[in-house]
Amino acid sequence: MNIKLTMKTIAAALLLGSAANAATITFETDESGFVQTPSGSTGGAATGPFQSGLNGVTFTIDADTFGLRYGSLSLNGESRIAITQNNEGLGVNNFNPDGSGEIDGSGSNDILVFQFSSAVRLTEIIFESVSNNDDFVFYTPGQSPNAAQFDILNPIPFDIDGDEGLFATNFTGTTFGIGAFGDNDDFRVSKLTVAAVPLPAGLPLLMAGLGAFGFVSRRKKKA
């Protein structure tokens, strides 16, 4: 073992950490590779785990309703609620008196909560069934405030149905929710783009390189 080789190992770890891979998770049933969710009521339990497309990272999806006050979001823990899915993506049916199957604020405020097995960086949300006045609530548990309301931005010009929109973000964590607040808000979640978080990806290799570098240093001192 030599110092040059060890430094190369450390550099490789840093490069591995900085070159985070990304994956687009598709929920549209008319596209290949989509995530298939169960039909009917999920009984208040999360469904999954599903493969994210990132190495070793899985995720679950939970449907719920929520209350929002002064930026604080409270999940209601619904026991009779369903995740819906069609060729435009995921929605929620809360049976109160929600018949659209979309994520909406009619009757109760619907939300889908996504939980990943390890931290990811969420870079983009694609919505379907969007109209000009739609906005959404983004929920981040443990944050203060833990919810914020956003417009669904940048209509996609080549969308055939004319009802697709996107939102670019830079959220990093394991859990987030996408919900609707208000009677006029209704949409589906079509796709999510997530990336691996750089540092943990290269950390084991980096620690191994640093340990080897320390071993070489100790041997040189003894010599």
Foldseek 3Di string as FASTA:
>chain_A
DDPVVLVVLLVVLLVQLVPWDKAKAFQAPVDPPHDDDDWAWPQLDWDDQDDRPHPPKTKTKGKFFWDDDPLAIDTPSDRHKTWDGYRQGIAIDNPLVDDPRWQEPPSTKMKMKMFMPWKKWWFKWKWFPADQPAKKKKADPPDVSGIDIGRQDDQDPPDPVSGMGMDTDGDIDGMMMIIYHDHVHTIHTGMIMIIHNRCVSSVVSNVVSVVVSVVVVVVVVVD
